[in-house]
Amino acid sequence: NRQKDSVEFICDALCNSSGGESFFAKDVIELCFQTASVLHFLLQEDAFDGDLKLIEQRNISEEKKMLQSMTNSLLEYAKNSREDHQFGGYGDTGASTGASVATNNAEGSVTKREFSEWQRKVVPDLMYCSVTKFQHILFLPQDPQSQTHTANPFPSLRSSKEITSQTTTKMKAGEIMPITSHTFGKNFMSSANATATTLLSHALFSFVSISMPKFGEKWYRIFAGAEDGWTFNQLEHSIMGYEGPTLLVIQARSKTESEGSVTFGAYTASKWQKNKRDFFGTSDCFLFQLQPTMRVLKTVPKMGKRGGNYMFYHSNTNKVTSNPSRKDELTEGLGFGGTVRHPRLFIDSQLEDCHVSHQDTSFEEGYLGFQPSNDIFASNSSTSTVQIGSLEIYAVGDEETIRRGFRAQYQHRDINDATLRNARTVDKAAFLGDMRNGVIESKAFAHRGQVDGRANGFMKGEEDGKANGL
């Protein structure tokens, strides 16, 4: 296993450099990212100028935030792991507990075992998209595997507006439709000639570390609140009918405006559905947080009636029309986990607030957004509410999956348009029928007669009565 060998190689090198059995978490994260950056630039033809300098300037401040987020994640895992061992967790031996904790007293350091476990559970493709792939291409260029896998492992951002109803692109070869993302940055180097950027997005690096196979080579943005409008109807139009994996990314701020911003969201391989009064989807989904501490919360096994609450979607178009006065008790919005009245992650229909909690029976435990108040007198302290600043949804996956997804969506829209046209035709035919039968005309003249009567201070029948002395 080349990735396992890379972990061993990197950890041993860092341990030897520190002269102990542990190393600083930030060092191994930065090493992986810098290696991935070099790999990304080498696999592009136009990343350097004639003097072998990058033609675009890197966003160092955003890179540092990403590195700190992954470092926080690793240190958080190591801390929890040590506490589990200290209190006699599974697989712990009393003889090794004290030594392990003592070895890691240096602030910010982790052991080889802690890093290996974190990498396997949280970012299983971290090594493959950086050190492993770089070594393979650099030292084994003639190997068939290198020649067939020289494609850049990091996806590019695209706009769904590039895709026509025939699921073909409107753009010429090498061109893109410029978009700007609050989370991933811009996808273009020059908007004047639609040239793609050569920079490696720090956020894309994080996602590829989580799973390369799930995300593919191109991401098509199908919804952005800032571009498409902050309406639930527009969001529904953007996602309904698309039959493929989607990634929902939220950037939000605390309502107190004193805790900075947070970036989190959800991935699902299932298509979105409405007119559902319960959860839907499969276990092929997860919740995540990118900032300020990276977290990946996977689904947990379903046990009887517990768990299995993966996706939830409820809009005003779901309401029962046979009795309009009946109030629908379900909350309008979309969510993941929890219950239909209190999802684990929930975006309201106004697209203004997002409610998150730290545990439920369908996903692993862990905080999304800001940790709730520790005040024991605070109500519902397990849930926090953040104010959405950016909301984006991407179609992700391999090229064939995305093409199939868009094809299904265009068919879905064609069916809806045909249904709407038929409904309008039926309404028009009924109107013309009423006109021919004199129904509308008689009603209209009756109404006009009543209006004339009111203008004289009495109804039409009342005037005849007064003339007869009644």
Protein backbone atom coordinates (compact mmCIF):
# COMPACT_ATOMS: atom_id res chain seq x y z
CA ASN A 1 0.00 0.00 0.00
CA ARG A 2 1.79 3.09 -1.29
CA GLN A 3 -0.19 5.52 0.87
CA LYS A 4 0.65 3.57 4.04
CA ASP A 5 4.32 3.56 3.01
CA SER A 6 4.14 7.34 2.53
CA VAL A 7 2.72 7.79 6.04
CA GLU A 8 5.53 5.69 7.47
CA PHE A 9 8.15 7.60 5.49
CA ILE A 10 6.89 11.06 6.44
CA CYS A 11 6.35 10.23 10.11
CA ASP A 12 9.77 8.64 10.49
CA ALA A 13 11.43 11.63 8.82
CA LEU A 14 9.64 14.12 11.09
CA CYS A 15 10.39 12.07 14.21
CA ASN A 16 14.08 11.91 13.30
CA SER A 17 14.07 15.65 12.69
CA SER A 18 12.56 16.35 16.12
CA GLY A 19 14.78 13.82 17.83
CA GLY A 20 11.89 12.03 19.55
CA GLU A 21 8.84 9.87 19.05
CA SER A 22 6.52 12.75 18.19
CA PHE A 23 6.45 15.72 15.84
CA PHE A 24 4.51 18.95 15.44
CA ALA A 25 1.10 18.58 13.83
CA LYS A 26 1.47 21.77 11.81
CA ASP A 27 4.67 20.47 10.21
CA VAL A 28 3.12 17.34 8.72
CA ILE A 29 0.04 19.24 7.48
CA GLU A 30 2.13 21.93 5.84
CA LEU A 31 4.41 19.33 4.27
CA CYS A 32 1.44 17.59 2.67
CA PHE A 33 -0.08 20.83 1.37
CA GLN A 34 3.17 22.20 -0.04
CA THR A 35 3.84 18.88 -1.78
CA ALA A 36 0.32 18.92 -3.21
CA SER A 37 0.85 22.50 -4.43
CA VAL A 38 4.06 21.58 -6.24
CA LEU A 39 2.31 18.57 -7.79
CA HIS A 40 -0.60 20.77 -8.90
CA PHE A 41 1.67 23.31 -10.56
CA LEU A 42 3.86 20.69 -12.25
CA LEU A 43 0.82 19.05 -13.87
CA GLN A 44 -0.13 22.34 -15.58
CA GLU A 45 1.54 23.74 -18.65
CA ASP A 46 0.95 27.43 -17.99
CA ALA A 47 1.55 27.81 -14.24
CA PHE A 48 5.04 29.33 -14.65
CA ASP A 49 6.46 32.20 -16.68
CA GLY A 50 9.74 32.22 -18.58
CA ASP A 51 11.70 32.73 -15.35
CA LEU A 52 9.98 29.72 -13.73
CA LYS A 53 7.98 31.96 -11.42
CA LEU A 54 4.30 31.45 -10.75
CA ILE A 55 2.20 33.65 -13.01
CA GLU A 56 -0.43 34.07 -10.28
CA GLN A 57 0.09 35.19 -6.71
CA ARG A 58 -0.91 32.70 -4.02
CA ASN A 59 -3.33 33.72 -1.28
CA ILE A 60 -1.06 33.00 1.67
CA SER A 61 -3.50 34.22 4.34
CA GLU A 62 -6.25 31.83 3.17
CA GLU A 63 -3.75 28.99 2.91
CA LYS A 64 -2.71 29.59 6.51
CA LYS A 65 -6.34 29.39 7.64
CA MET A 66 -6.74 26.03 5.93
CA LEU A 67 -3.49 24.70 7.39
CA GLN A 68 -4.55 25.84 10.86
CA SER A 69 -7.96 24.21 10.45
CA MET A 70 -6.46 20.83 9.56
CA THR A 71 -3.89 21.20 12.32
CA ASN A 72 -6.69 21.92 14.80
CA SER A 73 -8.47 18.79 13.60
CA LEU A 74 -5.40 16.61 14.12
CA LEU A 75 -4.69 18.04 17.56
CA GLU A 76 -8.34 17.65 18.57
CA TYR A 77 -8.26 13.98 17.55
CA ALA A 78 -4.97 13.40 19.40
CA LYS A 79 -6.35 15.05 22.55
CA ASN A 80 -9.50 12.92 22.53
CA SER A 81 -7.48 9.80 21.83
CA ARG A 82 -5.20 10.42 24.80
CA GLU A 83 -8.15 11.06 27.09
CA ASP A 84 -9.74 7.79 25.99
CA HIS A 85 -6.55 5.89 26.79
CA GLN A 86 -6.10 7.71 30.07
CA PHE A 87 -9.53 6.58 31.24
CA GLY A 88 -9.00 3.00 30.15
CA GLY A 89 -10.42 3.15 26.67
CA TYR A 90 -10.61 0.20 24.32
CA GLY A 91 -7.20 -1.29 23.55
CA ASP A 92 -5.45 0.63 26.31
CA THR A 93 -2.80 -0.92 28.54
CA GLY A 94 -1.90 0.67 31.82
CA ALA A 95 1.82 0.34 31.17
CA SER A 96 1.73 2.40 28.01
CA THR A 97 -0.72 5.10 29.09
CA GLY A 98 1.59 7.22 31.20
CA ALA A 99 4.44 6.97 28.71
CA SER A 100 2.20 7.93 25.82
CA VAL A 101 0.81 11.00 27.56
CA ALA A 102 4.25 12.03 28.82
CA THR A 103 5.72 11.71 25.35
CA ASN A 104 3.13 14.12 23.98
CA ASN A 105 3.39 16.83 26.60
CA ALA A 106 4.92 19.18 24.03
CA GLU A 107 2.14 21.50 22.93
CA GLY A 108 1.05 20.95 19.34
CA SER A 109 2.81 17.60 18.92
CA VAL A 110 1.37 14.23 17.90
CA THR A 111 2.68 10.69 17.68
CA LYS A 112 2.99 8.56 14.59
CA ARG A 113 0.03 6.43 15.73
CA GLU A 114 -2.18 9.47 16.34
CA PHE A 115 -1.46 10.96 12.94
CA SER A 116 -1.98 7.62 11.17
CA GLU A 117 -5.35 7.07 12.86
CA TRP A 118 -6.53 10.64 12.18
CA GLN A 119 -5.45 10.43 8.56
CA ARG A 120 -7.25 7.11 8.09
CA LYS A 121 -10.51 8.27 9.71
CA VAL A 122 -10.78 11.94 8.70
CA VAL A 123 -8.69 12.52 5.55
CA PRO A 124 -7.99 9.07 4.04
CA ASP A 125 -6.72 10.51 0.74
CA LEU A 126 -4.44 13.16 2.25
CA MET A 127 -1.25 11.26 1.47
CA TYR A 128 -2.35 9.98 -1.91
CA CYS A 129 -3.20 13.44 -3.29
CA SER A 130 0.11 14.84 -2.09
CA VAL A 131 3.19 12.83 -1.11
CA THR A 132 2.28 9.46 -2.65
CA LYS A 133 1.27 10.82 -6.05
CA PHE A 134 4.23 13.22 -6.13
CA GLN A 135 6.71 10.43 -5.39
CA HIS A 136 5.16 8.13 -7.94
CA ILE A 137 5.28 10.65 -10.77
CA LEU A 138 8.72 11.95 -9.83
CA PHE A 139 10.55 8.65 -9.29
CA LEU A 140 8.56 6.25 -11.49
CA PRO A 141 7.70 8.30 -14.58
CA GLN A 142 7.79 5.25 -16.86
CA ASP A 143 5.46 3.22 -14.71
CA PRO A 144 2.13 2.59 -16.52
CA GLN A 145 0.23 3.69 -13.42
CA SER A 146 2.01 7.06 -13.50
CA GLN A 147 1.26 7.56 -17.18
CA THR A 148 -2.43 6.78 -16.73
CA HIS A 149 -2.86 8.88 -13.59
CA THR A 150 -1.10 12.10 -14.54
CA ALA A 151 -4.38 13.99 -14.44
CA ASN A 152 -4.49 16.69 -11.80
CA PRO A 153 -6.09 15.18 -8.67
CA PHE A 154 -7.64 18.54 -7.73
CA PRO A 155 -10.97 19.45 -9.36
CA SER A 156 -11.68 22.69 -11.18
CA LEU A 157 -14.72 24.85 -10.53
CA ARG A 158 -17.24 25.32 -13.32
CA SER A 159 -20.63 26.92 -13.74
CA SER A 160 -23.67 24.80 -14.58
CA LYS A 161 -24.61 27.55 -17.03
CA GLU A 162 -21.90 26.12 -19.28
CA ILE A 163 -24.09 23.06 -19.82
CA THR A 164 -26.88 23.16 -22.42
CA SER A 165 -30.06 21.07 -22.44
CA GLN A 166 -28.19 18.54 -24.58
CA THR A 167 -25.63 18.23 -21.71
CA THR A 168 -22.91 19.63 -23.95
CA THR A 169 -20.78 22.61 -23.04
CA LYS A 170 -21.29 26.05 -24.53
CA MET A 171 -17.62 26.93 -24.07
CA LYS A 172 -14.76 26.44 -26.48
CA ALA A 173 -11.90 24.14 -25.57
CA GLY A 174 -9.84 25.63 -22.75
CA GLU A 175 -12.45 28.26 -21.87
CA ILE A 176 -14.55 28.51 -18.73
CA MET A 177 -17.41 30.64 -17.48
CA PRO A 178 -15.94 32.82 -14.68
CA ILE A 179 -17.39 32.33 -11.19
CA THR A 180 -16.28 33.50 -7.76
CA SER A 181 -16.87 31.51 -4.59
CA HIS A 182 -16.63 32.76 -1.02
CA THR A 183 -15.20 29.38 -0.01
CA PHE A 184 -13.16 28.22 -3.01
CA GLY A 185 -12.06 31.52 -4.51
CA LYS A 186 -12.26 32.38 -8.19
CA ASN A 187 -11.98 29.83 -10.97
CA PHE A 188 -10.44 32.21 -13.49
CA MET A 189 -7.12 33.91 -14.00
CA SER A 190 -8.43 36.51 -16.42
CA SER A 191 -12.13 37.14 -16.91
CA ALA A 192 -11.39 38.98 -20.13
CA ASN A 193 -10.59 35.79 -22.04
CA ALA A 194 -12.12 33.21 -19.66
CA THR A 195 -8.77 31.67 -18.72
CA ALA A 196 -8.82 29.13 -15.89
CA THR A 197 -6.79 29.84 -12.76
CA THR A 198 -3.59 27.91 -12.15
CA LEU A 199 -3.76 28.22 -8.35
CA LEU A 200 -4.66 25.38 -6.02
CA SER A 201 -7.71 26.23 -3.93
CA HIS A 202 -6.99 25.52 -0.27
CA ALA A 203 -10.58 24.39 0.27
CA LEU A 204 -10.45 22.01 -2.69
CA PHE A 205 -7.32 20.48 -1.20
CA SER A 206 -9.26 19.79 1.99
CA PHE A 207 -12.08 18.05 0.12
CA VAL A 208 -9.78 15.93 -2.02
CA SER A 209 -8.04 14.85 1.19
CA ILE A 210 -11.40 13.58 2.43
CA SER A 211 -12.14 11.56 -0.70
CA MET A 212 -10.77 11.77 -4.22
CA PRO A 213 -13.18 9.25 -5.84
CA LYS A 214 -16.32 11.04 -4.61
CA PHE A 215 -15.55 14.45 -6.05
CA GLY A 216 -14.19 13.95 -9.57
CA GLU A 217 -12.24 16.35 -11.78
CA LYS A 218 -14.84 19.09 -12.31
CA TRP A 219 -17.39 20.65 -9.97
CA TYR A 220 -20.38 22.40 -11.50
CA ARG A 221 -21.99 25.04 -9.31
CA ILE A 222 -25.75 24.66 -9.64
CA PHE A 223 -26.78 27.21 -7.02
CA ALA A 224 -25.25 30.27 -5.38
CA GLY A 225 -27.41 32.56 -3.28
CA ALA A 226 -25.37 35.64 -4.18
CA GLU A 227 -25.78 34.95 -7.91
CA ASP A 228 -29.10 33.13 -8.32
CA GLY A 229 -31.07 34.93 -5.62
CA TRP A 230 -31.86 34.20 -1.99
CA THR A 231 -35.18 32.44 -2.54
CA PHE A 232 -36.16 28.90 -1.65
CA ASN A 233 -38.02 28.54 -4.96
CA GLN A 234 -34.82 29.26 -6.89
CA LEU A 235 -32.86 26.79 -4.76
CA GLU A 236 -35.54 24.17 -5.39
CA HIS A 237 -35.41 24.80 -9.13
CA SER A 238 -31.62 24.41 -9.09
CA ILE A 239 -31.44 21.05 -7.31
CA MET A 240 -34.67 19.20 -8.10
CA GLY A 241 -34.39 16.67 -10.90
CA TYR A 242 -30.59 16.48 -10.74
CA GLU A 243 -29.76 12.80 -10.23
CA GLY A 244 -26.23 12.81 -8.93
CA PRO A 245 -24.06 13.62 -5.90
CA THR A 246 -24.20 17.18 -4.61
CA LEU A 247 -22.13 19.18 -2.16
CA LEU A 248 -23.74 21.91 -0.04
CA VAL A 249 -21.34 24.53 1.35
CA ILE A 250 -22.35 27.17 3.89
CA GLN A 251 -20.30 30.11 5.09
CA ALA A 252 -21.87 31.77 8.12
CA ARG A 253 -21.28 34.12 11.02
CA SER A 254 -22.31 33.98 14.62
CA LYS A 255 -25.38 36.04 15.39
CA THR A 256 -23.41 37.75 18.16
CA GLU A 257 -20.83 38.87 15.56
CA SER A 258 -18.04 38.18 18.03
CA GLU A 259 -16.82 34.75 16.96
CA GLY A 260 -15.75 35.23 13.35
CA SER A 261 -17.00 32.97 10.55
CA VAL A 262 -17.46 29.25 10.08
CA THR A 263 -17.60 27.08 6.93
CA PHE A 264 -19.48 23.79 6.94
CA GLY A 265 -22.05 21.75 5.00
CA ALA A 266 -22.98 18.32 3.75
CA TYR A 267 -22.30 15.86 0.93
CA THR A 268 -24.88 13.43 -0.42
CA ALA A 269 -24.80 10.90 -3.23
CA SER A 270 -28.62 10.78 -3.35
CA LYS A 271 -30.88 12.99 -5.44
CA TRP A 272 -33.05 15.59 -3.75
CA GLN A 273 -36.77 14.90 -3.40
CA LYS A 274 -39.77 16.94 -2.34
CA ASN A 275 -43.31 16.01 -1.35
CA LYS A 276 -41.76 13.88 1.35
CA ARG A 277 -43.01 13.93 4.92
CA ASP A 278 -40.04 11.95 6.17
CA PHE A 279 -36.32 11.51 5.56
CA PHE A 280 -34.89 10.03 2.39
CA GLY A 281 -31.49 9.25 0.88
CA THR A 282 -28.84 6.67 1.71
CA SER A 283 -25.92 6.35 4.09
CA ASP A 284 -23.58 7.59 1.34
CA CYS A 285 -23.45 11.09 2.81
CA PHE A 286 -21.60 13.01 5.51
CA LEU A 287 -21.52 16.33 7.32
CA PHE A 288 -18.35 18.40 7.39
CA GLN A 289 -16.74 21.55 8.71
CA LEU A 290 -13.83 23.29 6.99
CA GLN A 291 -13.30 26.28 9.28
CA PRO A 292 -12.20 26.95 11.97
CA THR A 293 -11.57 23.25 12.77
CA MET A 294 -11.88 20.61 10.08
CA ARG A 295 -14.34 17.83 10.93
CA VAL A 296 -15.91 14.98 8.96
CA LEU A 297 -19.00 13.41 10.54
CA LYS A 298 -19.98 10.19 8.78
CA THR A 299 -23.22 8.26 9.06
CA VAL A 300 -23.56 5.66 11.82
CA PRO A 301 -25.11 2.19 11.34
CA LYS A 302 -28.89 2.09 11.51
CA MET A 303 -30.16 0.12 14.50
CA GLY A 304 -33.86 -0.66 14.35
CA LYS A 305 -35.78 2.61 14.28
CA ARG A 306 -32.73 4.59 15.39
CA GLY A 307 -30.74 6.32 12.70
CA GLY A 308 -31.30 6.39 8.96
CA ASN A 309 -32.49 10.03 8.99
CA TYR A 310 -30.21 11.27 6.24
CA MET A 311 -31.88 14.00 4.13
CA PHE A 312 -34.93 16.19 4.66
CA TYR A 313 -36.64 18.63 2.30
CA HIS A 314 -39.93 20.43 2.85
CA SER A 315 -41.24 23.46 0.95
CA ASN A 316 -44.57 25.27 0.66
CA THR A 317 -45.25 23.30 -2.52
CA ASN A 318 -45.46 20.16 -0.36
CA LYS A 319 -48.55 21.30 1.51
CA VAL A 320 -51.82 19.43 1.17
CA THR A 321 -54.08 21.36 -1.24
CA SER A 322 -57.30 19.47 -0.51
CA ASN A 323 -57.66 21.43 2.73
CA PRO A 324 -55.85 24.79 2.41
CA SER A 325 -56.87 25.82 5.92
CA ARG A 326 -54.93 22.89 7.40
CA LYS A 327 -51.63 24.18 8.75
CA ASP A 328 -48.65 22.01 7.87
CA GLU A 329 -46.76 21.26 11.07
CA LEU A 330 -43.48 20.42 9.34
CA THR A 331 -40.79 23.08 9.25
CA GLU A 332 -40.07 24.51 5.79
CA GLY A 333 -36.47 24.11 4.69
CA LEU A 334 -33.84 21.46 4.03
CA GLY A 335 -31.75 19.50 6.47
CA PHE A 336 -29.75 16.44 7.44
CA GLY A 337 -30.04 14.13 10.45
CA GLY A 338 -32.07 14.63 13.60
CA THR A 339 -35.87 14.59 13.23
CA VAL A 340 -38.27 16.28 10.79
CA ARG A 341 -39.03 18.93 13.41
CA HIS A 342 -35.44 19.29 14.66
CA PRO A 343 -32.90 18.26 11.99
CA ARG A 344 -29.22 18.02 12.92
CA LEU A 345 -28.37 20.60 10.24
CA PHE A 346 -31.25 22.74 9.03
CA ILE A 347 -31.53 25.70 6.61
CA ASP A 348 -34.81 27.59 6.89
CA SER A 349 -36.90 28.50 3.84
CA GLN A 350 -35.80 32.14 4.08
CA LEU A 351 -32.18 31.05 3.53
CA GLU A 352 -31.18 33.36 6.36
CA ASP A 353 -30.40 31.09 9.33
CA CYS A 354 -28.91 27.65 9.77
CA HIS A 355 -29.56 25.63 12.92
CA VAL A 356 -27.01 22.99 13.92
CA SER A 357 -26.64 20.62 16.84
CA HIS A 358 -23.74 18.44 17.91
CA GLN A 359 -25.37 15.00 17.97
CA ASP A 360 -28.17 12.80 16.68
CA THR A 361 -28.71 9.11 15.91
CA SER A 362 -27.77 9.24 12.21
CA PHE A 363 -24.35 10.95 12.12
CA GLU A 364 -21.25 10.86 14.27
CA GLU A 365 -21.09 13.23 17.20
CA GLY A 366 -19.28 16.51 16.69
CA TYR A 367 -19.86 20.24 16.54
CA LEU A 368 -20.75 22.12 13.38
CA GLY A 369 -20.72 25.88 13.43
CA PHE A 370 -19.91 27.43 16.78
CA GLN A 371 -19.99 25.42 19.96
CA PRO A 372 -23.14 26.23 21.97
CA SER A 373 -22.96 28.16 25.19
CA ASN A 374 -21.82 26.26 28.27
CA ASP A 375 -24.27 28.24 30.35
CA ILE A 376 -26.39 25.66 32.19
CA PHE A 377 -29.27 28.16 32.30
CA ALA A 378 -29.25 28.69 28.53
CA SER A 379 -32.20 27.07 26.75
CA ASN A 380 -31.51 24.29 24.26
CA SER A 381 -27.75 24.65 24.72
CA SER A 382 -27.05 21.68 22.41
CA THR A 383 -28.19 23.72 19.39
CA SER A 384 -26.74 26.87 17.88
CA THR A 385 -27.98 29.19 15.15
CA VAL A 386 -25.72 30.96 12.65
CA GLN A 387 -26.48 33.61 10.06
CA ILE A 388 -25.85 32.44 6.50
CA GLY A 389 -23.55 34.66 4.49
CA SER A 390 -22.87 32.36 1.55
CA LEU A 391 -24.71 29.27 0.33
CA GLU A 392 -23.50 27.22 -2.63
CA ILE A 393 -24.41 23.82 -4.04
CA TYR A 394 -22.16 21.90 -6.44
CA ALA A 395 -22.73 18.90 -8.67
CA VAL A 396 -19.73 16.62 -8.09
CA GLY A 397 -18.51 13.23 -9.28
CA ASP A 398 -16.92 11.75 -12.39
CA GLU A 399 -17.71 13.12 -15.84
CA GLU A 400 -20.28 10.46 -16.74
CA THR A 401 -22.11 10.82 -13.42
CA ILE A 402 -22.41 14.59 -13.88
CA ARG A 403 -23.55 14.25 -17.49
CA ARG A 404 -26.19 11.72 -16.47
CA GLY A 405 -27.32 13.96 -13.62
CA PHE A 406 -27.82 17.02 -15.82
CA ARG A 407 -29.58 14.95 -18.49
CA ALA A 408 -32.09 13.76 -15.88
CA GLN A 409 -32.60 17.32 -14.63
CA TYR A 410 -33.36 18.70 -18.09
CA GLN A 411 -35.86 15.88 -18.65
CA HIS A 412 -37.41 16.68 -15.28
CA ARG A 413 -37.78 20.34 -16.25
CA ASP A 414 -39.23 19.46 -19.66
CA ILE A 415 -41.90 17.31 -17.99
CA ASN A 416 -42.75 20.09 -15.52
CA ASP A 417 -42.97 22.66 -18.32
CA ALA A 418 -45.23 20.38 -20.36
CA THR A 419 -47.46 19.79 -17.34
CA LEU A 420 -47.73 23.53 -16.75
CA ARG A 421 -48.58 24.18 -20.40
CA ASN A 422 -51.27 21.51 -20.31
CA ALA A 423 -52.75 23.01 -17.16
CA ARG A 424 -52.87 26.45 -18.78
CA THR A 425 -54.49 24.96 -21.89
CA VAL A 426 -57.16 23.28 -19.77
CA ASP A 427 -57.84 26.53 -17.87
CA LYS A 428 -58.12 28.46 -21.13
CA ALA A 429 -60.48 25.87 -22.63
CA ALA A 430 -62.69 26.00 -19.53
CA PHE A 431 -62.77 29.81 -19.70
CA LEU A 432 -63.78 29.78 -23.38
CA GLY A 433 -66.46 27.19 -22.62
CA ASP A 434 -67.94 29.41 -19.94
CA MET A 435 -67.92 32.33 -22.38
CA ARG A 436 -69.82 30.31 -25.01
CA ASN A 437 -72.36 29.15 -22.45
CA GLY A 438 -72.92 32.67 -21.18
CA VAL A 439 -71.84 31.77 -17.66
CA ILE A 440 -69.19 34.45 -17.41
CA GLU A 441 -71.28 37.06 -19.20
CA SER A 442 -74.32 36.56 -16.96
CA LYS A 443 -72.18 36.73 -13.85
CA ALA A 444 -70.42 39.85 -15.08
CA PHE A 445 -73.66 41.72 -15.91
CA ALA A 446 -75.24 40.64 -12.64
CA HIS A 447 -72.26 42.05 -10.80
CA ARG A 448 -72.48 45.30 -12.82
CA GLY A 449 -76.14 45.65 -11.95
CA GLN A 450 -75.32 45.31 -8.30
CA VAL A 451 -72.63 47.96 -8.62
CA ASP A 452 -75.06 50.35 -10.33
CA GLY A 453 -77.54 49.81 -7.53
CA ARG A 454 -74.94 50.59 -4.87
CA ALA A 455 -74.06 53.80 -6.72
CA ASN A 456 -77.66 55.04 -6.13
CA GLY A 457 -77.67 54.08 -2.51
CA PHE A 458 -79.72 50.88 -2.77
CA MET A 459 -79.68 47.52 -4.47
CA LYS A 460 -81.42 46.84 -7.77
CA GLY A 461 -84.40 45.02 -6.25
CA GLU A 462 -84.83 47.71 -3.58
CA GLU A 463 -85.49 50.41 -6.20
CA ASP A 464 -88.46 48.46 -7.64
CA GLY A 465 -89.84 47.98 -4.17
CA LYS A 466 -89.71 51.70 -3.36
CA ALA A 467 -91.50 52.52 -6.63
CA ASN A 468 -94.37 50.32 -5.47
CA GLY A 469 -94.50 51.99 -2.11
CA LEU A 470 -92.95 49.07 -0.27
